[in-house]
Amino acid sequence: MISGEPVSFKKIWLWSLIIALGLISAYIGFLSLVSVWIGLDHAHQAGFWVPVLVGTSFLMTIFYFFIRITRHLLKYMKEEDVVNI
């Protein structure tokens, strides 16, 4: 099951960075969805649209930046490495 090709330290570091960034984005996305849910749950009150609007816009912004940063890191990962483990 062990491949004969070397794995670079840079790729390990970048994959762990992508995973950490994904976990942080998922957490912030969860908080945004809770904000939307609370806003929709209080639809009978004045100003219920504020948490819905803020949660939705923040959710879209977080995932936009997550996709952009992940694309950049994946392109950077394709470059040749000098140090191999």
C-alpha atoms as a PDB file:
ATOM      1  CA  MET A   1       0.000   0.000   0.000  1.00  0.00           C
ATOM      2  CA  ILE A   2       2.977   2.343   0.258  1.00  0.00           C
ATOM      3  CA  SER A   3       3.742   4.078  -3.010  1.00  0.00           C
ATOM      4  CA  GLY A   4       7.288   4.332  -4.272  1.00  0.00           C
ATOM      5  CA  GLU A   5       6.971   8.001  -5.196  1.00  0.00           C
ATOM      6  CA  PRO A   6       8.268  10.565  -2.728  1.00  0.00           C
ATOM      7  CA  VAL A   7       5.837  12.987  -1.106  1.00  0.00           C
ATOM      8  CA  SER A   8       7.052  16.528  -0.680  1.00  0.00           C
ATOM      9  CA  PHE A   9       6.885  18.347   2.616  1.00  0.00           C
ATOM     10  CA  LYS A  10       5.313  21.303   0.838  1.00  0.00           C
ATOM     11  CA  LYS A  11       2.363  19.207  -0.345  1.00  0.00           C
ATOM     12  CA  ILE A  12       1.763  17.822   3.139  1.00  0.00           C
ATOM     13  CA  TRP A  13       1.850  21.324   4.592  1.00  0.00           C
ATOM     14  CA  LEU A  14      -0.484  22.757   1.920  1.00  0.00           C
ATOM     15  CA  TRP A  15      -3.003  19.921   2.250  1.00  0.00           C
ATOM     16  CA  SER A  16      -3.100  20.406   6.009  1.00  0.00           C
ATOM     17  CA  LEU A  17      -3.584  24.135   5.424  1.00  0.00           C
ATOM     18  CA  ILE A  18      -6.485  23.438   3.048  1.00  0.00           C
ATOM     19  CA  ILE A  19      -8.091  21.091   5.573  1.00  0.00           C
ATOM     20  CA  ALA A  20      -7.712  23.630   8.397  1.00  0.00           C
ATOM     21  CA  LEU A  21      -9.130  26.354   6.181  1.00  0.00           C
ATOM     22  CA  GLY A  22     -12.055  24.083   5.300  1.00  0.00           C
ATOM     23  CA  LEU A  23     -12.809  23.412   8.960  1.00  0.00           C
ATOM     24  CA  ILE A  24     -12.718  27.109   9.806  1.00  0.00           C
ATOM     25  CA  SER A  25     -14.950  27.898   6.825  1.00  0.00           C
ATOM     26  CA  ALA A  26     -17.397  25.175   7.842  1.00  0.00           C
ATOM     27  CA  TYR A  27     -17.577  26.575  11.376  1.00  0.00           C
ATOM     28  CA  ILE A  28     -18.205  30.127  10.162  1.00  0.00           C
ATOM     29  CA  GLY A  29     -20.719  28.775   7.641  1.00  0.00           C
ATOM     30  CA  PHE A  30     -22.541  26.994  10.458  1.00  0.00           C
ATOM     31  CA  LEU A  31     -22.729  30.231  12.443  1.00  0.00           C
ATOM     32  CA  SER A  32     -24.087  31.994   9.359  1.00  0.00           C
ATOM     33  CA  LEU A  33     -26.764  29.346   8.905  1.00  0.00           C
ATOM     34  CA  VAL A  34     -27.731  29.692  12.573  1.00  0.00           C
ATOM     35  CA  SER A  35     -28.107  33.429  12.005  1.00  0.00           C
ATOM     36  CA  VAL A  36     -30.406  32.807   9.036  1.00  0.00           C
ATOM     37  CA  TRP A  37     -32.397  30.256  11.009  1.00  0.00           C
ATOM     38  CA  ILE A  38     -32.865  32.640  13.953  1.00  0.00           C
ATOM     39  CA  GLY A  39     -33.963  35.400  11.596  1.00  0.00           C
ATOM     40  CA  LEU A  40     -36.519  33.164   9.907  1.00  0.00           C
ATOM     41  CA  ASP A  41     -37.704  31.849  13.261  1.00  0.00           C
ATOM     42  CA  HIS A  42     -38.481  35.409  14.381  1.00  0.00           C
ATOM     43  CA  ALA A  43     -40.277  36.439  11.179  1.00  0.00           C
ATOM     44  CA  HIS A  44     -43.148  37.907  13.169  1.00  0.00           C
ATOM     45  CA  GLN A  45     -40.879  40.614  14.631  1.00  0.00           C
ATOM     46  CA  ALA A  46     -39.796  43.813  12.962  1.00  0.00           C
ATOM     47  CA  GLY A  47     -36.277  43.658  11.559  1.00  0.00           C
ATOM     48  CA  PHE A  48     -36.169  39.870  11.181  1.00  0.00           C
ATOM     49  CA  TRP A  49     -34.530  40.316   7.791  1.00  0.00           C
ATOM     50  CA  VAL A  50     -31.274  41.683   9.273  1.00  0.00           C
ATOM     51  CA  PRO A  51     -29.860  38.353  10.548  1.00  0.00           C
ATOM     52  CA  VAL A  52     -31.112  36.639   7.383  1.00  0.00           C
ATOM     53  CA  LEU A  53     -29.357  39.158   5.151  1.00  0.00           C
ATOM     54  CA  VAL A  54     -26.142  39.213   7.195  1.00  0.00           C
ATOM     55  CA  GLY A  55     -25.997  35.407   7.522  1.00  0.00           C
ATOM     56  CA  THR A  56     -26.588  34.843   3.824  1.00  0.00           C
ATOM     57  CA  SER A  57     -24.088  37.446   2.665  1.00  0.00           C
ATOM     58  CA  PHE A  58     -21.450  36.253   5.129  1.00  0.00           C
ATOM     59  CA  LEU A  59     -21.982  32.624   4.087  1.00  0.00           C
ATOM     60  CA  MET A  60     -21.525  33.496   0.423  1.00  0.00           C
ATOM     61  CA  THR A  61     -18.442  35.606   1.175  1.00  0.00           C
ATOM     62  CA  ILE A  62     -16.770  32.911   3.270  1.00  0.00           C
ATOM     63  CA  PHE A  63     -17.259  30.197   0.673  1.00  0.00           C
ATOM     64  CA  TYR A  64     -16.160  32.509  -2.143  1.00  0.00           C
ATOM     65  CA  PHE A  65     -12.871  33.197  -0.381  1.00  0.00           C
ATOM     66  CA  PHE A  66     -12.475  29.524   0.553  1.00  0.00           C
ATOM     67  CA  ILE A  67     -12.780  28.477  -3.095  1.00  0.00           C
ATOM     68  CA  ARG A  68     -10.406  31.229  -4.262  1.00  0.00           C
ATOM     69  CA  ILE A  69      -7.723  30.404  -1.669  1.00  0.00           C
ATOM     70  CA  THR A  70      -8.040  26.663  -2.276  1.00  0.00           C
ATOM     71  CA  ARG A  71      -7.620  27.126  -6.029  1.00  0.00           C
ATOM     72  CA  HIS A  72      -4.533  29.250  -5.435  1.00  0.00           C
ATOM     73  CA  LEU A  73      -3.011  26.678  -3.073  1.00  0.00           C
ATOM     74  CA  LEU A  74      -3.708  23.816  -5.489  1.00  0.00           C
ATOM     75  CA  LYS A  75      -1.995  25.706  -8.320  1.00  0.00           C
ATOM     76  CA  TYR A  76       0.947  26.433  -6.023  1.00  0.00           C
ATOM     77  CA  MET A  77       1.113  22.759  -5.084  1.00  0.00           C
ATOM     78  CA  LYS A  78       1.733  21.700  -8.703  1.00  0.00           C
ATOM     79  CA  GLU A  79       5.118  23.435  -8.827  1.00  0.00           C
ATOM     80  CA  GLU A  80       8.231  21.310  -8.604  1.00  0.00           C
ATOM     81  CA  ASP A  81       9.725  20.736  -5.167  1.00  0.00           C
ATOM     82  CA  VAL A  82      13.351  20.639  -4.193  1.00  0.00           C
ATOM     83  CA  VAL A  83      13.089  18.764  -0.888  1.00  0.00           C
ATOM     84  CA  ASN A  84      11.438  15.354  -0.873  1.00  0.00           C
ATOM     85  CA  ILE A  85      10.802  13.105   2.083  1.00  0.00           C
END
